[in-house]
Amino acid sequence: MNIQIYGKSKCFDTKKAQRWFQERRIRFQLVDLPRKGLSPRELQSVKAAVGGLDALVDPKAPEAATLRYLAQDSQKEERLLEDPSLLRTPIVRNGRQATVGYCPEVWSTWE
């Protein structure tokens, strides 16, 4: 397994995801989302795995409402790449599989 956790340092669910993998002694790479962000290819891969852009947007983010008014998905993707704080965390990837949010029921099938 090649687990990557994209998250924010102050996100409670990101910390829970880290703890879940640590308790099972599964190695993972932690990526600081606000500092590093997602590459365009990573965004495409995660979007395909989770079923679209709407699953990636954090509804609690202050600027999330502005994404609804963008007409095209390409504009929304561009905005998410510019401002990673709009992404819901944690984003956990295992190759082409990915989850958004705290999903231990899915992660346990990856083992």
N, C-alpha and C. Protein backbone atom coordinates (compact mmCIF):
# COMPACT_ATOMS: atom_id res chain seq x y z
N MET A 1 0.84 -1.19 0.00
CA MET A 1 0.00 0.00 0.00
C MET A 1 0.87 1.25 0.00
N ASN A 2 0.42 2.23 -0.74
CA ASN A 2 1.11 3.51 -0.81
C ASN A 2 0.09 4.58 -0.41
N ILE A 3 -0.06 4.81 0.88
CA ILE A 3 -1.08 5.71 1.41
C ILE A 3 -0.55 7.13 1.48
N GLN A 4 -1.35 8.06 0.98
CA GLN A 4 -1.06 9.49 1.10
C GLN A 4 -2.25 10.14 1.77
N ILE A 5 -1.97 10.94 2.80
CA ILE A 5 -3.02 11.69 3.48
C ILE A 5 -2.78 13.17 3.22
N TYR A 6 -3.72 13.79 2.52
CA TYR A 6 -3.68 15.22 2.28
C TYR A 6 -4.59 15.86 3.32
N GLY A 7 -4.02 16.70 4.16
CA GLY A 7 -4.84 17.28 5.21
C GLY A 7 -4.29 18.58 5.73
N LYS A 8 -5.03 19.12 6.68
CA LYS A 8 -4.67 20.38 7.34
C LYS A 8 -4.24 20.05 8.77
N SER A 9 -3.24 20.75 9.26
CA SER A 9 -2.69 20.44 10.58
C SER A 9 -3.71 20.62 11.70
N LYS A 10 -4.67 21.50 11.53
CA LYS A 10 -5.66 21.75 12.58
C LYS A 10 -6.98 21.04 12.35
N CYS A 11 -7.01 20.14 11.40
CA CYS A 11 -8.24 19.41 11.07
C CYS A 11 -8.37 18.16 11.95
N PHE A 12 -9.46 18.07 12.69
CA PHE A 12 -9.68 16.96 13.59
C PHE A 12 -9.76 15.64 12.84
N ASP A 13 -10.44 15.60 11.69
CA ASP A 13 -10.58 14.36 10.92
C ASP A 13 -9.25 13.91 10.33
N THR A 14 -8.38 14.86 9.99
CA THR A 14 -7.05 14.51 9.49
C THR A 14 -6.26 13.82 10.59
N LYS A 15 -6.35 14.34 11.81
CA LYS A 15 -5.65 13.72 12.94
C LYS A 15 -6.20 12.33 13.23
N LYS A 16 -7.51 12.17 13.12
CA LYS A 16 -8.12 10.86 13.33
C LYS A 16 -7.64 9.86 12.27
N ALA A 17 -7.53 10.31 11.03
CA ALA A 17 -7.05 9.44 9.94
C ALA A 17 -5.61 9.02 10.21
N GLN A 18 -4.77 9.96 10.62
CA GLN A 18 -3.38 9.63 10.93
C GLN A 18 -3.33 8.58 12.04
N ARG A 19 -4.11 8.78 13.08
CA ARG A 19 -4.14 7.84 14.21
C ARG A 19 -4.62 6.46 13.76
N TRP A 20 -5.63 6.42 12.88
CA TRP A 20 -6.17 5.15 12.40
C TRP A 20 -5.09 4.34 11.70
N PHE A 21 -4.32 4.97 10.82
CA PHE A 21 -3.26 4.26 10.10
C PHE A 21 -2.09 3.92 11.03
N GLN A 22 -1.77 4.80 11.96
CA GLN A 22 -0.68 4.52 12.90
C GLN A 22 -1.01 3.33 13.79
N GLU A 23 -2.25 3.23 14.26
CA GLU A 23 -2.66 2.12 15.13
C GLU A 23 -2.54 0.77 14.42
N ARG A 24 -2.67 0.78 13.11
CA ARG A 24 -2.57 -0.46 12.33
C ARG A 24 -1.18 -0.65 11.73
N ARG A 25 -0.27 0.23 12.10
CA ARG A 25 1.12 0.20 11.63
C ARG A 25 1.20 0.20 10.10
N ILE A 26 0.35 1.02 9.51
CA ILE A 26 0.36 1.20 8.06
C ILE A 26 1.11 2.50 7.78
N ARG A 27 2.14 2.40 6.99
CA ARG A 27 2.93 3.58 6.67
C ARG A 27 2.15 4.49 5.73
N PHE A 28 2.30 5.78 5.93
CA PHE A 28 1.63 6.76 5.08
C PHE A 28 2.50 7.98 4.93
N GLN A 29 2.19 8.74 3.91
CA GLN A 29 2.87 10.02 3.67
C GLN A 29 1.85 11.11 3.94
N LEU A 30 2.21 12.05 4.81
CA LEU A 30 1.32 13.16 5.13
C LEU A 30 1.71 14.37 4.28
N VAL A 31 0.73 14.94 3.60
CA VAL A 31 0.95 16.11 2.76
C VAL A 31 0.15 17.26 3.34
N ASP A 32 0.83 18.36 3.68
CA ASP A 32 0.18 19.55 4.22
C ASP A 32 -0.55 20.26 3.07
N LEU A 33 -1.85 20.11 3.04
CA LEU A 33 -2.64 20.61 1.92
C LEU A 33 -2.57 22.13 1.75
N PRO A 34 -2.68 22.93 2.81
CA PRO A 34 -2.60 24.38 2.59
C PRO A 34 -1.24 24.83 2.05
N ARG A 35 -0.18 24.13 2.42
CA ARG A 35 1.15 24.54 1.98
C ARG A 35 1.51 23.98 0.61
N LYS A 36 1.22 22.70 0.37
CA LYS A 36 1.60 22.04 -0.88
C LYS A 36 0.49 22.03 -1.92
N GLY A 37 -0.75 21.87 -1.49
CA GLY A 37 -1.86 21.80 -2.43
C GLY A 37 -1.88 20.48 -3.19
N LEU A 38 -2.73 20.39 -4.16
CA LEU A 38 -2.84 19.23 -5.06
C LEU A 38 -2.36 19.64 -6.44
N SER A 39 -1.73 18.73 -7.12
CA SER A 39 -1.38 19.00 -8.51
C SER A 39 -2.63 18.77 -9.36
N PRO A 40 -2.67 19.29 -10.57
CA PRO A 40 -3.83 19.06 -11.44
C PRO A 40 -4.12 17.58 -11.68
N ARG A 41 -3.07 16.78 -11.86
CA ARG A 41 -3.28 15.33 -12.08
C ARG A 41 -3.82 14.65 -10.83
N GLU A 42 -3.33 15.05 -9.67
CA GLU A 42 -3.84 14.48 -8.42
C GLU A 42 -5.31 14.83 -8.23
N LEU A 43 -5.66 16.07 -8.53
CA LEU A 43 -7.06 16.48 -8.43
C LEU A 43 -7.94 15.66 -9.35
N GLN A 44 -7.50 15.44 -10.59
CA GLN A 44 -8.27 14.62 -11.54
C GLN A 44 -8.44 13.19 -11.02
N SER A 45 -7.37 12.62 -10.49
CA SER A 45 -7.40 11.26 -9.98
C SER A 45 -8.36 11.13 -8.80
N VAL A 46 -8.28 12.05 -7.86
CA VAL A 46 -9.16 12.01 -6.69
C VAL A 46 -10.60 12.27 -7.10
N LYS A 47 -10.81 13.21 -8.01
CA LYS A 47 -12.16 13.53 -8.49
C LYS A 47 -12.81 12.29 -9.11
N ALA A 48 -12.05 11.56 -9.91
CA ALA A 48 -12.57 10.34 -10.54
C ALA A 48 -12.89 9.27 -9.50
N ALA A 49 -12.08 9.17 -8.46
CA ALA A 49 -12.26 8.13 -7.45
C ALA A 49 -13.44 8.41 -6.52
N VAL A 50 -13.72 9.69 -6.25
CA VAL A 50 -14.78 10.01 -5.28
C VAL A 50 -16.10 10.39 -5.94
N GLY A 51 -16.12 10.50 -7.25
CA GLY A 51 -17.38 10.74 -7.94
C GLY A 51 -17.70 12.18 -8.26
N GLY A 52 -16.70 13.01 -8.41
CA GLY A 52 -16.96 14.38 -8.86
C GLY A 52 -16.45 15.45 -7.92
N LEU A 53 -16.54 16.68 -8.39
CA LEU A 53 -16.02 17.82 -7.65
C LEU A 53 -16.82 18.14 -6.40
N ASP A 54 -18.13 17.90 -6.45
CA ASP A 54 -18.97 18.26 -5.31
C ASP A 54 -18.55 17.53 -4.03
N ALA A 55 -18.05 16.31 -4.16
CA ALA A 55 -17.60 15.55 -3.00
C ALA A 55 -16.31 16.13 -2.41
N LEU A 56 -15.57 16.87 -3.20
CA LEU A 56 -14.29 17.42 -2.75
C LEU A 56 -14.43 18.76 -2.03
N VAL A 57 -15.50 19.47 -2.26
CA VAL A 57 -15.65 20.82 -1.71
C VAL A 57 -16.12 20.75 -0.27
N ASP A 58 -15.42 21.48 0.60
CA ASP A 58 -15.77 21.56 2.01
C ASP A 58 -16.91 22.55 2.18
N PRO A 59 -18.10 22.08 2.57
CA PRO A 59 -19.24 23.00 2.70
C PRO A 59 -19.05 24.03 3.81
N LYS A 60 -18.14 23.77 4.75
CA LYS A 60 -17.91 24.69 5.86
C LYS A 60 -16.93 25.81 5.51
N ALA A 61 -16.26 25.68 4.37
CA ALA A 61 -15.29 26.71 3.97
C ALA A 61 -16.03 28.00 3.63
N PRO A 62 -15.52 29.14 4.09
CA PRO A 62 -16.22 30.41 3.86
C PRO A 62 -16.42 30.74 2.39
N GLU A 63 -15.50 30.36 1.53
CA GLU A 63 -15.59 30.70 0.11
C GLU A 63 -16.30 29.62 -0.71
N ALA A 64 -16.75 28.55 -0.08
CA ALA A 64 -17.35 27.43 -0.82
C ALA A 64 -18.60 27.84 -1.61
N ALA A 65 -19.35 28.76 -1.10
CA ALA A 65 -20.58 29.19 -1.77
C ALA A 65 -20.28 29.81 -3.14
N THR A 66 -19.13 30.43 -3.28
CA THR A 66 -18.80 31.06 -4.57
C THR A 66 -18.59 30.04 -5.68
N LEU A 67 -18.23 28.82 -5.32
CA LEU A 67 -18.02 27.77 -6.34
C LEU A 67 -19.32 27.39 -7.04
N ARG A 68 -20.43 27.53 -6.35
CA ARG A 68 -21.72 27.17 -6.96
C ARG A 68 -22.05 28.05 -8.15
N TYR A 69 -21.52 29.26 -8.16
CA TYR A 69 -21.85 30.20 -9.21
C TYR A 69 -20.93 30.09 -10.43
N LEU A 70 -19.92 29.25 -10.35
CA LEU A 70 -19.05 29.04 -11.50
C LEU A 70 -19.72 28.04 -12.44
N ALA A 71 -19.79 28.37 -13.70
CA ALA A 71 -20.56 27.59 -14.67
C ALA A 71 -19.90 26.27 -15.04
N GLN A 72 -18.61 26.27 -15.23
CA GLN A 72 -17.95 25.08 -15.76
C GLN A 72 -17.09 24.41 -14.69
N ASP A 73 -16.98 23.07 -14.81
CA ASP A 73 -16.14 22.32 -13.88
C ASP A 73 -14.69 22.76 -13.96
N SER A 74 -14.23 23.13 -15.14
CA SER A 74 -12.83 23.55 -15.27
C SER A 74 -12.56 24.81 -14.44
N GLN A 75 -13.54 25.69 -14.35
CA GLN A 75 -13.39 26.89 -13.51
C GLN A 75 -13.34 26.51 -12.04
N LYS A 76 -14.18 25.56 -11.65
CA LYS A 76 -14.19 25.10 -10.26
C LYS A 76 -12.87 24.42 -9.91
N GLU A 77 -12.37 23.58 -10.82
CA GLU A 77 -11.09 22.91 -10.59
C GLU A 77 -9.96 23.92 -10.43
N GLU A 78 -9.97 24.93 -11.28
CA GLU A 78 -8.95 25.97 -11.21
C GLU A 78 -8.99 26.68 -9.86
N ARG A 79 -10.20 26.95 -9.39
CA ARG A 79 -10.37 27.62 -8.09
C ARG A 79 -9.89 26.72 -6.95
N LEU A 80 -10.17 25.42 -7.02
CA LEU A 80 -9.72 24.49 -5.98
C LEU A 80 -8.20 24.36 -5.98
N LEU A 81 -7.59 24.41 -7.14
CA LEU A 81 -6.14 24.34 -7.22
C LEU A 81 -5.49 25.61 -6.66
N GLU A 82 -6.13 26.75 -6.88
CA GLU A 82 -5.62 28.02 -6.37
C GLU A 82 -5.77 28.13 -4.86
N ASP A 83 -6.88 27.61 -4.34
CA ASP A 83 -7.20 27.75 -2.91
C ASP A 83 -7.53 26.39 -2.30
N PRO A 84 -6.50 25.64 -1.84
CA PRO A 84 -6.74 24.30 -1.28
C PRO A 84 -7.56 24.31 0.01
N SER A 85 -7.76 25.48 0.62
CA SER A 85 -8.57 25.52 1.84
C SER A 85 -10.04 25.21 1.54
N LEU A 86 -10.42 25.22 0.27
CA LEU A 86 -11.79 24.88 -0.13
C LEU A 86 -12.03 23.38 -0.17
N LEU A 87 -10.96 22.60 -0.09
CA LEU A 87 -11.08 21.14 -0.17
C LEU A 87 -11.45 20.54 1.18
N ARG A 88 -12.31 19.55 1.15
CA ARG A 88 -12.68 18.82 2.36
C ARG A 88 -11.54 17.88 2.72
N THR A 89 -11.21 17.76 3.98
CA THR A 89 -10.09 16.93 4.40
C THR A 89 -10.54 15.89 5.41
N PRO A 90 -9.80 14.83 5.56
CA PRO A 90 -8.61 14.46 4.81
C PRO A 90 -8.96 13.81 3.48
N ILE A 91 -8.07 13.98 2.53
CA ILE A 91 -8.14 13.24 1.27
C ILE A 91 -7.11 12.13 1.41
N VAL A 92 -7.57 10.89 1.38
CA VAL A 92 -6.68 9.74 1.56
C VAL A 92 -6.63 8.97 0.26
N ARG A 93 -5.42 8.80 -0.26
CA ARG A 93 -5.23 8.09 -1.54
C ARG A 93 -4.44 6.81 -1.32
N ASN A 94 -4.84 5.81 -2.08
CA ASN A 94 -4.11 4.55 -2.16
C ASN A 94 -4.11 4.17 -3.64
N GLY A 95 -3.09 4.63 -4.35
CA GLY A 95 -3.06 4.41 -5.80
C GLY A 95 -4.18 5.18 -6.47
N ARG A 96 -5.04 4.46 -7.17
CA ARG A 96 -6.16 5.11 -7.86
C ARG A 96 -7.40 5.21 -6.98
N GLN A 97 -7.36 4.59 -5.81
CA GLN A 97 -8.49 4.68 -4.89
C GLN A 97 -8.30 5.92 -4.02
N ALA A 98 -9.40 6.53 -3.62
CA ALA A 98 -9.32 7.71 -2.77
C ALA A 98 -10.62 7.88 -1.99
N THR A 99 -10.49 8.52 -0.84
CA THR A 99 -11.66 8.89 -0.04
C THR A 99 -11.51 10.34 0.38
N VAL A 100 -12.62 10.95 0.71
CA VAL A 100 -12.62 12.31 1.23
C VAL A 100 -13.36 12.26 2.56
N GLY A 101 -12.72 12.78 3.59
CA GLY A 101 -13.30 12.72 4.93
C GLY A 101 -12.79 11.49 5.66
N TYR A 102 -13.30 11.28 6.86
CA TYR A 102 -12.87 10.16 7.70
C TYR A 102 -13.69 8.93 7.31
N CYS A 103 -13.06 7.94 6.67
CA CYS A 103 -13.76 6.76 6.13
C CYS A 103 -13.04 5.46 6.48
N PRO A 104 -12.94 5.08 7.75
CA PRO A 104 -12.22 3.86 8.11
C PRO A 104 -12.85 2.60 7.53
N GLU A 105 -14.16 2.62 7.27
CA GLU A 105 -14.81 1.44 6.69
C GLU A 105 -14.29 1.15 5.28
N VAL A 106 -13.88 2.16 4.55
CA VAL A 106 -13.30 1.99 3.23
C VAL A 106 -11.83 1.61 3.34
N TRP A 107 -11.11 2.29 4.24
CA TRP A 107 -9.67 2.04 4.39
C TRP A 107 -9.38 0.61 4.82
N SER A 108 -10.29 0.03 5.62
CA SER A 108 -10.07 -1.34 6.10
C SER A 108 -10.12 -2.34 4.94
N THR A 109 -10.79 -2.00 3.85
CA THR A 109 -10.82 -2.90 2.69
C THR A 109 -9.52 -2.80 1.88
N TRP A 110 -8.73 -1.75 2.10
CA TRP A 110 -7.47 -1.58 1.40
C TRP A 110 -6.39 -2.46 1.96
N GLU A 111 -6.52 -2.93 3.19
CA GLU A 111 -5.47 -3.70 3.84
C GLU A 111 -5.26 -5.04 3.17
